[in-house]
PDB file of N, CA and C in Angstrom:
ATOM      1  N   UNK A   1       0.833  -1.174   0.000  1.00  0.00           N
ATOM      2  CA  UNK A   1       0.000   0.000   0.000  1.00  0.00           C
ATOM      3  C   UNK A   1       0.884   1.246   0.000  1.00  0.00           C
ATOM      4  N   UNK A   2       0.455   2.238  -0.694  1.00  0.00           N
ATOM      5  CA  UNK A   2       1.189   3.505  -0.828  1.00  0.00           C
ATOM      6  C   UNK A   2       1.165   4.272   0.493  1.00  0.00           C
ATOM      7  N   UNK A   3       2.260   4.970   0.765  1.00  0.00           N
ATOM      8  CA  UNK A   3       2.253   5.843   1.941  1.00  0.00           C
ATOM      9  C   UNK A   3       1.750   7.232   1.522  1.00  0.00           C
ATOM     10  N   UNK A   4       1.240   7.965   2.473  1.00  0.00           N
ATOM     11  CA  UNK A   4       0.642   9.269   2.205  1.00  0.00           C
ATOM     12  C   UNK A   4       1.351  10.336   3.028  1.00  0.00           C
ATOM     13  N   UNK A   5       1.252  11.566   2.561  1.00  0.00           N
ATOM     14  CA  UNK A   5       1.868  12.675   3.281  1.00  0.00           C
ATOM     15  C   UNK A   5       1.094  13.018   4.544  1.00  0.00           C
ATOM     16  N   UNK A   6      -0.204  12.722   4.531  1.00  0.00           N
ATOM     17  CA  UNK A   6      -1.030  13.004   5.699  1.00  0.00           C
ATOM     18  C   UNK A   6      -2.291  12.153   5.637  1.00  0.00           C
ATOM     19  N   UNK A   7      -2.943  12.051   6.760  1.00  0.00           N
ATOM     20  CA  UNK A   7      -4.229  11.356   6.811  1.00  0.00           C
ATOM     21  C   UNK A   7      -5.230  12.085   5.919  1.00  0.00           C
ATOM     22  N   UNK A   8      -5.155  13.405   5.886  1.00  0.00           N
ATOM     23  CA  UNK A   8      -6.072  14.198   5.059  1.00  0.00           C
ATOM     24  C   UNK A   8      -5.943  13.815   3.585  1.00  0.00           C
ATOM     25  N   UNK A   9      -4.730  13.579   3.120  1.00  0.00           N
ATOM     26  CA  UNK A   9      -4.528  13.167   1.728  1.00  0.00           C
ATOM     27  C   UNK A   9      -5.246  11.851   1.453  1.00  0.00           C
ATOM     28  N   UNK A  10      -5.109  10.900   2.360  1.00  0.00           N
ATOM     29  CA  UNK A  10      -5.777   9.605   2.216  1.00  0.00           C
ATOM     30  C   UNK A  10      -7.297   9.782   2.216  1.00  0.00           C
ATOM     31  N   UNK A  11      -7.798  10.626   3.098  1.00  0.00           N
ATOM     32  CA  UNK A  11      -9.234  10.890   3.168  1.00  0.00           C
ATOM     33  C   UNK A  11      -9.732  11.480   1.853  1.00  0.00           C
ATOM     34  N   UNK A  12      -9.002  12.422   1.299  1.00  0.00           N
ATOM     35  CA  UNK A  12      -9.401  13.047   0.028  1.00  0.00           C
ATOM     36  C   UNK A  12      -9.441  12.021  -1.103  1.00  0.00           C
ATOM     37  N   UNK A  13      -8.458  11.142  -1.139  1.00  0.00           N
ATOM     38  CA  UNK A  13      -8.431  10.096  -2.170  1.00  0.00           C
ATOM     39  C   UNK A  13      -9.640   9.184  -2.022  1.00  0.00           C
ATOM     40  N   UNK A  14      -9.939   8.781  -0.798  1.00  0.00           N
ATOM     41  CA  UNK A  14     -11.100   7.916  -0.559  1.00  0.00           C
ATOM     42  C   UNK A  14     -12.413   8.621  -0.895  1.00  0.00           C
ATOM     43  N   UNK A  15     -12.509   9.902  -0.561  1.00  0.00           N
ATOM     44  CA  UNK A  15     -13.721  10.653  -0.896  1.00  0.00           C
ATOM     45  C   UNK A  15     -13.891  10.766  -2.407  1.00  0.00           C
ATOM     46  N   UNK A  16     -12.791  10.958  -3.136  1.00  0.00           N
ATOM     47  CA  UNK A  16     -12.860  10.996  -4.602  1.00  0.00           C
ATOM     48  C   UNK A  16     -13.345   9.663  -5.156  1.00  0.00           C
ATOM     49  N   UNK A  17     -12.858   8.561  -4.579  1.00  0.00           N
ATOM     50  CA  UNK A  17     -13.299   7.232  -5.013  1.00  0.00           C
ATOM     51  C   UNK A  17     -14.788   7.035  -4.738  1.00  0.00           C
ATOM     52  N   UNK A  18     -15.235   7.490  -3.567  1.00  0.00           N
ATOM     53  CA  UNK A  18     -16.658   7.378  -3.239  1.00  0.00           C
ATOM     54  C   UNK A  18     -17.519   8.167  -4.215  1.00  0.00           C
ATOM     55  N   UNK A  19     -17.076   9.355  -4.570  1.00  0.00           N
ATOM     56  CA  UNK A  19     -17.813  10.175  -5.532  1.00  0.00           C
ATOM     57  C   UNK A  19     -17.888   9.467  -6.883  1.00  0.00           C
ATOM     58  N   UNK A  20     -16.770   8.890  -7.314  1.00  0.00           N
ATOM     59  CA  UNK A  20     -16.743   8.180  -8.597  1.00  0.00           C
ATOM     60  C   UNK A  20     -17.678   6.969  -8.570  1.00  0.00           C
ATOM     61  N   UNK A  21     -17.685   6.231  -7.471  1.00  0.00           N
ATOM     62  CA  UNK A  21     -18.565   5.071  -7.341  1.00  0.00           C
ATOM     63  C   UNK A  21     -20.031   5.516  -7.348  1.00  0.00           C
ATOM     64  N   UNK A  22     -20.335   6.576  -6.616  1.00  0.00           N
ATOM     65  CA  UNK A  22     -21.713   7.099  -6.587  1.00  0.00           C
ATOM     66  C   UNK A  22     -22.160   7.516  -7.993  1.00  0.00           C
ATOM     67  N   UNK A  23     -21.280   8.214  -8.717  1.00  0.00           N
ATOM     68  CA  UNK A  23     -21.614   8.646 -10.077  1.00  0.00           C
ATOM     69  C   UNK A  23     -21.869   7.448 -10.992  1.00  0.00           C
ATOM     70  N   UNK A  24     -21.042   6.397 -10.849  1.00  0.00           N
ATOM     71  CA  UNK A  24     -21.228   5.203 -11.671  1.00  0.00           C
ATOM     72  C   UNK A  24     -22.557   4.531 -11.348  1.00  0.00           C
ATOM     73  N   UNK A  25     -22.904   4.448 -10.082  1.00  0.00           N
ATOM     74  CA  UNK A  25     -24.180   3.854  -9.688  1.00  0.00           C
ATOM     75  C   UNK A  25     -25.344   4.638 -10.290  1.00  0.00           C
ATOM     76  N   UNK A  26     -25.275   5.956 -10.222  1.00  0.00           N
ATOM     77  CA  UNK A  26     -26.347   6.783 -10.786  1.00  0.00           C
ATOM     78  C   UNK A  26     -26.456   6.572 -12.298  1.00  0.00           C
ATOM     79  N   UNK A  27     -25.324   6.452 -12.970  1.00  0.00           N
ATOM     80  CA  UNK A  27     -25.323   6.201 -14.419  1.00  0.00           C
ATOM     81  C   UNK A  27     -26.003   4.870 -14.718  1.00  0.00           C
ATOM     82  N   UNK A  28     -25.677   3.849 -13.926  1.00  0.00           N
ATOM     83  CA  UNK A  28     -26.239   2.522 -14.165  1.00  0.00           C
ATOM     84  C   UNK A  28     -27.715   2.423 -13.781  1.00  0.00           C
ATOM     85  N   UNK A  29     -28.179   3.294 -12.905  1.00  0.00           N
ATOM     86  CA  UNK A  29     -29.595   3.307 -12.525  1.00  0.00           C
ATOM     87  C   UNK A  29     -30.471   3.954 -13.594  1.00  0.00           C
ATOM     88  N   UNK A  30     -29.899   4.824 -14.397  1.00  0.00           N
ATOM     89  CA  UNK A  30     -30.677   5.537 -15.417  1.00  0.00           C
ATOM     90  C   UNK A  30     -31.136   4.550 -16.492  1.00  0.00           C
ATOM     91  N   UNK A  31     -32.382   4.650 -16.926  1.00  0.00           N
ATOM     92  CA  UNK A  31     -32.859   3.736 -17.970  1.00  0.00           C
ATOM     93  C   UNK A  31     -32.210   4.056 -19.323  1.00  0.00           C
ATOM     94  N   UNK A  32     -32.089   3.042 -20.136  1.00  0.00           N
ATOM     95  CA  UNK A  32     -31.557   3.230 -21.488  1.00  0.00           C
ATOM     96  C   UNK A  32     -32.513   4.120 -22.275  1.00  0.00           C
ATOM     97  N   UNK A  33     -31.954   5.070 -23.009  1.00  0.00           N
ATOM     98  CA  UNK A  33     -32.774   6.020 -23.768  1.00  0.00           C
ATOM     99  C   UNK A  33     -32.986   5.594 -25.215  1.00  0.00           C
ATOM    100  N   UNK A  34     -32.215   4.621 -25.680  1.00  0.00           N
ATOM    101  CA  UNK A  34     -32.293   4.205 -27.081  1.00  0.00           C
ATOM    102  C   UNK A  34     -31.651   2.831 -27.228  1.00  0.00           C
ATOM    103  N   UNK A  35     -31.681   2.297 -28.443  1.00  0.00           N
ATOM    104  CA  UNK A  35     -31.131   0.960 -28.675  1.00  0.00           C
ATOM    105  C   UNK A  35     -29.631   0.890 -28.417  1.00  0.00           C
ATOM    106  N   UNK A  36     -28.881   1.911 -28.795  1.00  0.00           N
ATOM    107  CA  UNK A  36     -27.442   1.868 -28.553  1.00  0.00           C
ATOM    108  C   UNK A  36     -27.137   1.785 -27.060  1.00  0.00           C
ATOM    109  N   UNK A  37     -27.878   2.529 -26.247  1.00  0.00           N
ATOM    110  CA  UNK A  37     -27.660   2.446 -24.802  1.00  0.00           C
ATOM    111  C   UNK A  37     -28.100   1.079 -24.273  1.00  0.00           C
ATOM    112  N   UNK A  38     -29.148   0.511 -24.828  1.00  0.00           N
ATOM    113  CA  UNK A  38     -29.569  -0.844 -24.420  1.00  0.00           C
ATOM    114  C   UNK A  38     -28.453  -1.843 -24.695  1.00  0.00           C
ATOM    115  N   UNK A  39     -27.799  -1.686 -25.827  1.00  0.00           N
ATOM    116  CA  UNK A  39     -26.694  -2.571 -26.187  1.00  0.00           C
ATOM    117  C   UNK A  39     -25.538  -2.408 -25.195  1.00  0.00           C
ATOM    118  N   UNK A  40     -25.206  -1.175 -24.871  1.00  0.00           N
ATOM    119  CA  UNK A  40     -24.109  -0.917 -23.933  1.00  0.00           C
ATOM    120  C   UNK A  40     -24.456  -1.459 -22.550  1.00  0.00           C
ATOM    121  N   UNK A  41     -25.681  -1.242 -22.082  1.00  0.00           N
ATOM    122  CA  UNK A  41     -26.096  -1.786 -20.784  1.00  0.00           C
ATOM    123  C   UNK A  41     -25.959  -3.306 -20.769  1.00  0.00           C
ATOM    124  N   UNK A  42     -26.353  -3.959 -21.860  1.00  0.00           N
ATOM    125  CA  UNK A  42     -26.267  -5.420 -21.913  1.00  0.00           C
ATOM    126  C   UNK A  42     -24.811  -5.862 -21.868  1.00  0.00           C
ATOM    127  N   UNK A  43     -23.938  -5.142 -22.553  1.00  0.00           N
ATOM    128  CA  UNK A  43     -22.516  -5.499 -22.491  1.00  0.00           C
ATOM    129  C   UNK A  43     -21.997  -5.349 -21.057  1.00  0.00           C
ATOM    130  N   UNK A  44     -22.365  -4.275 -20.391  1.00  0.00           N
ATOM    131  CA  UNK A  44     -21.925  -4.065 -19.008  1.00  0.00           C
ATOM    132  C   UNK A  44     -22.464  -5.188 -18.120  1.00  0.00           C
ATOM    133  N   UNK A  45     -23.696  -5.580 -18.351  1.00  0.00           N
ATOM    134  CA  UNK A  45     -24.320  -6.644 -17.559  1.00  0.00           C
ATOM    135  C   UNK A  45     -23.627  -7.987 -17.766  1.00  0.00           C
ATOM    136  N   UNK A  46     -23.332  -8.326 -19.006  1.00  0.00           N
ATOM    137  CA  UNK A  46     -22.795  -9.656 -19.309  1.00  0.00           C
ATOM    138  C   UNK A  46     -21.269  -9.683 -19.392  1.00  0.00           C
ATOM    139  N   UNK A  47     -20.670  -8.554 -19.740  1.00  0.00           N
ATOM    140  CA  UNK A  47     -19.225  -8.531 -19.936  1.00  0.00           C
ATOM    141  C   UNK A  47     -18.790  -9.315 -21.165  1.00  0.00           C
ATOM    142  N   UNK A  48     -19.731  -9.609 -22.041  1.00  0.00           N
ATOM    143  CA  UNK A  48     -19.450 -10.463 -23.191  1.00  0.00           C
ATOM    144  C   UNK A  48     -20.021  -9.860 -24.470  1.00  0.00           C
ATOM    145  N   UNK A  49     -19.158  -9.683 -25.475  1.00  0.00           N
ATOM    146  CA  UNK A  49     -19.665  -9.189 -26.757  1.00  0.00           C
ATOM    147  C   UNK A  49     -20.536 -10.246 -27.432  1.00  0.00           C
ATOM    148  N   UNK A  50     -20.209 -11.523 -27.235  1.00  0.00           N
ATOM    149  CA  UNK A  50     -21.008 -12.592 -27.831  1.00  0.00           C
ATOM    150  C   UNK A  50     -22.414 -12.648 -27.274  1.00  0.00           C
ATOM    151  N   UNK A  51     -22.551 -12.574 -25.950  1.00  0.00           N
ATOM    152  CA  UNK A  51     -23.883 -12.587 -25.332  1.00  0.00           C
ATOM    153  C   UNK A  51     -24.647 -11.319 -25.691  1.00  0.00           C
ATOM    154  N   UNK A  52     -23.926 -10.203 -25.784  1.00  0.00           N
ATOM    155  CA  UNK A  52     -24.581  -8.948 -26.171  1.00  0.00           C
ATOM    156  C   UNK A  52     -25.087  -9.040 -27.602  1.00  0.00           C
ATOM    157  N   UNK A  53     -24.278  -9.607 -28.478  1.00  0.00           N
ATOM    158  CA  UNK A  53     -24.680  -9.790 -29.878  1.00  0.00           C
ATOM    159  C   UNK A  53     -25.947 -10.633 -29.956  1.00  0.00           C
ATOM    160  N   UNK A  54     -26.014 -11.713 -29.178  1.00  0.00           N
ATOM    161  CA  UNK A  54     -27.212 -12.567 -29.172  1.00  0.00           C
ATOM    162  C   UNK A  54     -28.436 -11.789 -28.711  1.00  0.00           C
ATOM    163  N   UNK A  55     -28.273 -10.967 -27.671  1.00  0.00           N
ATOM    164  CA  UNK A  55     -29.357 -10.125 -27.160  1.00  0.00           C
ATOM    165  C   UNK A  55     -29.859  -9.177 -28.246  1.00  0.00           C
ATOM    166  N   UNK A  56     -28.930  -8.541 -28.955  1.00  0.00           N
ATOM    167  CA  UNK A  56     -29.289  -7.577 -30.002  1.00  0.00           C
ATOM    168  C   UNK A  56     -30.028  -8.284 -31.137  1.00  0.00           C
ATOM    169  N   UNK A  57     -29.557  -9.457 -31.499  1.00  0.00           N
ATOM    170  CA  UNK A  57     -30.226 -10.215 -32.564  1.00  0.00           C
ATOM    171  C   UNK A  57     -31.650 -10.596 -32.159  1.00  0.00           C
ATOM    172  N   UNK A  58     -31.831 -10.983 -30.870  1.00  0.00           N
ATOM    173  CA  UNK A  58     -33.174 -11.329 -30.389  1.00  0.00           C
ATOM    174  C   UNK A  58     -34.120 -10.136 -30.500  1.00  0.00           C
ATOM    175  N   UNK A  59     -33.585  -8.933 -30.327  1.00  0.00           N
ATOM    176  CA  UNK A  59     -34.416  -7.729 -30.443  1.00  0.00           C
ATOM    177  C   UNK A  59     -34.692  -7.363 -31.898  1.00  0.00           C
ATOM    178  N   UNK A  60     -33.966  -7.978 -32.822  1.00  0.00           N
ATOM    179  CA  UNK A  60     -34.159  -7.691 -34.237  1.00  0.00           C
ATOM    180  C   UNK A  60     -33.488  -6.412 -34.701  1.00  0.00           C
ATOM    181  N   UNK A  61     -32.533  -5.924 -33.936  1.00  0.00           N
ATOM    182  CA  UNK A  61     -31.825  -4.693 -34.305  1.00  0.00           C
ATOM    183  C   UNK A  61     -30.777  -5.036 -35.354  1.00  0.00           C
ATOM    184  N   UNK A  62     -30.762  -4.276 -36.424  1.00  0.00           N
ATOM    185  CA  UNK A  62     -29.791  -4.491 -37.501  1.00  0.00           C
ATOM    186  C   UNK A  62     -28.494  -3.743 -37.210  1.00  0.00           C
ATOM    187  N   UNK A  63     -27.416  -4.243 -37.749  1.00  0.00           N
ATOM    188  CA  UNK A  63     -26.123  -3.578 -37.595  1.00  0.00           C
ATOM    189  C   UNK A  63     -26.073  -2.355 -38.514  1.00  0.00           C
ATOM    190  N   UNK A  64     -25.103  -1.485 -38.307  1.00  0.00           N
ATOM    191  CA  UNK A  64     -24.968  -0.332 -39.220  1.00  0.00           C
ATOM    192  C   UNK A  64     -24.766  -0.758 -40.678  1.00  0.00           C
ATOM    193  N   UNK A  65     -24.344  -1.994 -40.879  1.00  0.00           N
ATOM    194  CA  UNK A  65     -24.133  -2.518 -42.237  1.00  0.00           C
ATOM    195  C   UNK A  65     -25.424  -3.099 -42.813  1.00  0.00           C
ATOM    196  N   UNK A  66     -26.524  -2.979 -42.069  1.00  0.00           N
ATOM    197  CA  UNK A  66     -27.841  -3.485 -42.484  1.00  0.00           C
ATOM    198  C   UNK A  66     -27.935  -5.004 -42.468  1.00  0.00           C
ATOM    199  N   UNK A  67     -27.125  -5.653 -41.664  1.00  0.00           N
ATOM    200  CA  UNK A  67     -27.190  -7.102 -41.530  1.00  0.00           C
ATOM    201  C   UNK A  67     -27.351  -7.470 -40.071  1.00  0.00           C
ATOM    202  N   UNK A  68     -27.090  -8.734 -39.763  1.00  0.00           N
ATOM    203  CA  UNK A  68     -27.159  -9.174 -38.380  1.00  0.00           C
ATOM    204  C   UNK A  68     -26.023  -8.564 -37.573  1.00  0.00           C
ATOM    205  N   UNK A  69     -26.308  -8.233 -36.344  1.00  0.00           N
ATOM    206  CA  UNK A  69     -25.302  -7.669 -35.449  1.00  0.00           C
ATOM    207  C   UNK A  69     -24.276  -8.733 -35.130  1.00  0.00           C
ATOM    208  N   UNK A  70     -22.998  -8.363 -35.104  1.00  0.00           N
ATOM    209  CA  UNK A  70     -21.926  -9.297 -34.773  1.00  0.00           C
ATOM    210  C   UNK A  70     -21.215  -8.828 -33.501  1.00  0.00           C
ATOM    211  N   UNK A  71     -20.390  -9.688 -32.941  1.00  0.00           N
ATOM    212  CA  UNK A  71     -19.576  -9.302 -31.786  1.00  0.00           C
ATOM    213  C   UNK A  71     -18.678  -8.126 -32.146  1.00  0.00           C
ATOM    214  N   UNK A  72     -18.193  -8.115 -33.377  1.00  0.00           N
ATOM    215  CA  UNK A  72     -17.363  -7.010 -33.844  1.00  0.00           C
ATOM    216  C   UNK A  72     -18.115  -5.688 -33.857  1.00  0.00           C
ATOM    217  N   UNK A  73     -19.413  -5.733 -34.172  1.00  0.00           N
ATOM    218  CA  UNK A  73     -20.228  -4.513 -34.135  1.00  0.00           C
ATOM    219  C   UNK A  73     -20.359  -3.982 -32.711  1.00  0.00           C
ATOM    220  N   UNK A  74     -20.485  -4.909 -31.750  1.00  0.00           N
ATOM    221  CA  UNK A  74     -20.566  -4.502 -30.345  1.00  0.00           C
ATOM    222  C   UNK A  74     -19.248  -3.841 -29.936  1.00  0.00           C
ATOM    223  N   UNK A  75     -18.133  -4.485 -30.286  1.00  0.00           N
ATOM    224  CA  UNK A  75     -16.810  -3.939 -29.963  1.00  0.00           C
ATOM    225  C   UNK A  75     -16.633  -2.564 -30.593  1.00  0.00           C
ATOM    226  N   UNK A  76     -17.041  -2.423 -31.840  1.00  0.00           N
ATOM    227  CA  UNK A  76     -16.911  -1.134 -32.539  1.00  0.00           C
ATOM    228  C   UNK A  76     -17.757  -0.057 -31.868  1.00  0.00           C
ATOM    229  N   UNK A  77     -18.967  -0.414 -31.445  1.00  0.00           N
ATOM    230  CA  UNK A  77     -19.832   0.547 -30.770  1.00  0.00           C
ATOM    231  C   UNK A  77     -19.185   1.019 -29.461  1.00  0.00           C
ATOM    232  N   UNK A  78     -18.591   0.088 -28.724  1.00  0.00           N
ATOM    233  CA  UNK A  78     -17.924   0.455 -27.470  1.00  0.00           C
ATOM    234  C   UNK A  78     -16.707   1.320 -27.762  1.00  0.00           C
ATOM    235  N   UNK A  79     -15.929   0.923 -28.741  1.00  0.00           N
ATOM    236  CA  UNK A  79     -14.687   1.647 -29.056  1.00  0.00           C
ATOM    237  C   UNK A  79     -14.961   3.033 -29.641  1.00  0.00           C
ATOM    238  N   UNK A  80     -15.841   3.096 -30.637  1.00  0.00           N
ATOM    239  CA  UNK A  80     -16.079   4.352 -31.351  1.00  0.00           C
ATOM    240  C   UNK A  80     -17.175   5.202 -30.717  1.00  0.00           C
ATOM    241  N   UNK A  81     -18.068   4.563 -29.951  1.00  0.00           N
ATOM    242  CA  UNK A  81     -19.173   5.291 -29.343  1.00  0.00           C
ATOM    243  C   UNK A  81     -20.204   5.701 -30.384  1.00  0.00           C
ATOM    244  N   UNK A  82     -21.134   6.503 -29.931  1.00  0.00           N
ATOM    245  CA  UNK A  82     -22.177   7.056 -30.795  1.00  0.00           C
ATOM    246  C   UNK A  82     -22.731   8.290 -30.083  1.00  0.00           C
ATOM    247  N   UNK A  83     -23.262   9.213 -30.874  1.00  0.00           N
ATOM    248  CA  UNK A  83     -23.768  10.471 -30.302  1.00  0.00           C
ATOM    249  C   UNK A  83     -24.910  10.259 -29.315  1.00  0.00           C
ATOM    250  N   UNK A  84     -25.642   9.151 -29.464  1.00  0.00           N
ATOM    251  CA  UNK A  84     -26.807   8.941 -28.604  1.00  0.00           C
ATOM    252  C   UNK A  84     -26.510   8.085 -27.368  1.00  0.00           C
ATOM    253  N   UNK A  85     -25.232   7.876 -27.059  1.00  0.00           N
ATOM    254  CA  UNK A  85     -24.846   7.121 -25.862  1.00  0.00           C
ATOM    255  C   UNK A  85     -24.249   8.086 -24.844  1.00  0.00           C
ATOM    256  N   UNK A  86     -24.720   7.989 -23.621  1.00  0.00           N
ATOM    257  CA  UNK A  86     -24.188   8.808 -22.538  1.00  0.00           C
ATOM    258  C   UNK A  86     -22.676   8.584 -22.413  1.00  0.00           C
ATOM    259  N   UNK A  87     -21.885   9.657 -22.378  1.00  0.00           N
ATOM    260  CA  UNK A  87     -20.431   9.501 -22.227  1.00  0.00           C
ATOM    261  C   UNK A  87     -20.051   8.724 -20.964  1.00  0.00           C
ATOM    262  N   UNK A  88     -20.784   8.922 -19.884  1.00  0.00           N
ATOM    263  CA  UNK A  88     -20.483   8.212 -18.640  1.00  0.00           C
ATOM    264  C   UNK A  88     -20.738   6.707 -18.802  1.00  0.00           C
ATOM    265  N   UNK A  89     -21.819   6.346 -19.484  1.00  0.00           N
ATOM    266  CA  UNK A  89     -22.137   4.941 -19.719  1.00  0.00           C
ATOM    267  C   UNK A  89     -21.082   4.300 -20.617  1.00  0.00           C
ATOM    268  N   UNK A  90     -20.693   5.023 -21.637  1.00  0.00           N
ATOM    269  CA  UNK A  90     -19.670   4.528 -22.557  1.00  0.00           C
ATOM    270  C   UNK A  90     -18.340   4.312 -21.835  1.00  0.00           C
ATOM    271  N   UNK A  91     -18.002   5.196 -20.926  1.00  0.00           N
ATOM    272  CA  UNK A  91     -16.752   5.059 -20.174  1.00  0.00           C
ATOM    273  C   UNK A  91     -16.766   3.799 -19.307  1.00  0.00           C
ATOM    274  N   UNK A  92     -17.903   3.494 -18.689  1.00  0.00           N
ATOM    275  CA  UNK A  92     -18.016   2.266 -17.890  1.00  0.00           C
ATOM    276  C   UNK A  92     -17.787   1.048 -18.782  1.00  0.00           C
ATOM    277  N   UNK A  93     -18.410   1.033 -19.948  1.00  0.00           N
ATOM    278  CA  UNK A  93     -18.253  -0.092 -20.878  1.00  0.00           C
ATOM    279  C   UNK A  93     -16.809  -0.210 -21.347  1.00  0.00           C
ATOM    280  N   UNK A  94     -16.177   0.911 -21.631  1.00  0.00           N
ATOM    281  CA  UNK A  94     -14.777   0.877 -22.077  1.00  0.00           C
ATOM    282  C   UNK A  94     -13.851   0.362 -20.985  1.00  0.00           C
ATOM    283  N   UNK A  95     -14.102   0.760 -19.750  1.00  0.00           N
ATOM    284  CA  UNK A  95     -13.293   0.262 -18.635  1.00  0.00           C
ATOM    285  C   UNK A  95     -13.458  -1.244 -18.493  1.00  0.00           C
ATOM    286  N   UNK A  96     -14.691  -1.715 -18.609  1.00  0.00           N
ATOM    287  CA  UNK A  96     -14.949  -3.147 -18.523  1.00  0.00           C
ATOM    288  C   UNK A  96     -14.263  -3.892 -19.661  1.00  0.00           C
ATOM    289  N   UNK A  97     -14.375  -3.369 -20.872  1.00  0.00           N
ATOM    290  CA  UNK A  97     -13.742  -4.011 -22.026  1.00  0.00           C
ATOM    291  C   UNK A  97     -12.227  -4.023 -21.867  1.00  0.00           C
ATOM    292  N   UNK A  98     -11.670  -2.940 -21.380  1.00  0.00           N
ATOM    293  CA  UNK A  98     -10.224  -2.852 -21.173  1.00  0.00           C
ATOM    294  C   UNK A  98      -9.777  -3.852 -20.112  1.00  0.00           C
ATOM    295  N   UNK A  99     -10.514  -3.965 -19.025  1.00  0.00           N
ATOM    296  CA  UNK A  99     -10.172  -4.912 -17.964  1.00  0.00           C
ATOM    297  C   UNK A  99     -10.246  -6.339 -18.472  1.00  0.00           C
ATOM    298  N   UNK A 100     -11.253  -6.635 -19.287  1.00  0.00           N
ATOM    299  CA  UNK A 100     -11.392  -7.983 -19.850  1.00  0.00           C
ATOM    300  C   UNK A 100     -10.219  -8.312 -20.771  1.00  0.00           C
ATOM    301  N   UNK A 101      -9.813  -7.334 -21.562  1.00  0.00           N
ATOM    302  CA  UNK A 101      -8.719  -7.571 -22.498  1.00  0.00           C
ATOM    303  C   UNK A 101      -7.399  -7.821 -21.779  1.00  0.00           C
ATOM    304  N   UNK A 102      -7.200  -7.198 -20.642  1.00  0.00           N
ATOM    305  CA  UNK A 102      -5.937  -7.322 -19.915  1.00  0.00           C
ATOM    306  C   UNK A 102      -5.926  -8.529 -18.982  1.00  0.00           C
ATOM    307  N   UNK A 103      -7.076  -8.812 -18.356  1.00  0.00           N
ATOM    308  CA  UNK A 103      -7.083  -9.800 -17.278  1.00  0.00           C
ATOM    309  C   UNK A 103      -8.108 -10.909 -17.441  1.00  0.00           C
ATOM    310  N   UNK A 104      -8.737 -11.016 -18.573  1.00  0.00           N
ATOM    311  CA  UNK A 104      -9.834 -11.960 -18.697  1.00  0.00           C
ATOM    312  C   UNK A 104     -11.081 -11.344 -18.106  1.00  0.00           C
ATOM    313  N   UNK A 105     -12.121 -12.136 -17.868  1.00  0.00           N
ATOM    314  CA  UNK A 105     -13.375 -11.588 -17.347  1.00  0.00           C
ATOM    315  C   UNK A 105     -13.175 -10.850 -16.027  1.00  0.00           C
ATOM    316  N   UNK A 106     -13.838  -9.705 -15.906  1.00  0.00           N
ATOM    317  CA  UNK A 106     -13.738  -8.856 -14.713  1.00  0.00           C
ATOM    318  C   UNK A 106     -14.923  -9.141 -13.808  1.00  0.00           C
ATOM    319  N   UNK A 107     -14.704  -9.105 -12.541  1.00  0.00           N
ATOM    320  CA  UNK A 107     -15.790  -9.347 -11.562  1.00  0.00           C
ATOM    321  C   UNK A 107     -15.979  -8.164 -10.689  1.00  0.00           C
TER     322      UNK A 107
END
C-alpha cells in the first residue's frame, strides 16, 4: 500500500473514489434512452460481446451494415461510441472491455 503525506490526503483520495462510485451507480440506474444504450447496458451486464450480440439479434436490431449484429459490431460501438450514448455509460463499458482484455473476465 502507498504511503501518504497526511491522513487528510488519504481521506481526500477515498472521498474521490466514493464520488466516482456514486456517479457510476447513478449512471447505471438511469434507464436506457435508445437501442445503442440498451446494447451498452447489456454489455456491461454480461461482460461479453457474444452474449450482447445474441441479445441484439433477439431484439431484431440491424447492424450499421444493415445485416445481423456481430460481436465485432458490439466492440466497434464500445470503441467508437455514438452520439446517442451517454459519455459516462460509454466510459463504464470501455473500462470493462479494457479490464477484460488485460485480465480476462472482470468481476
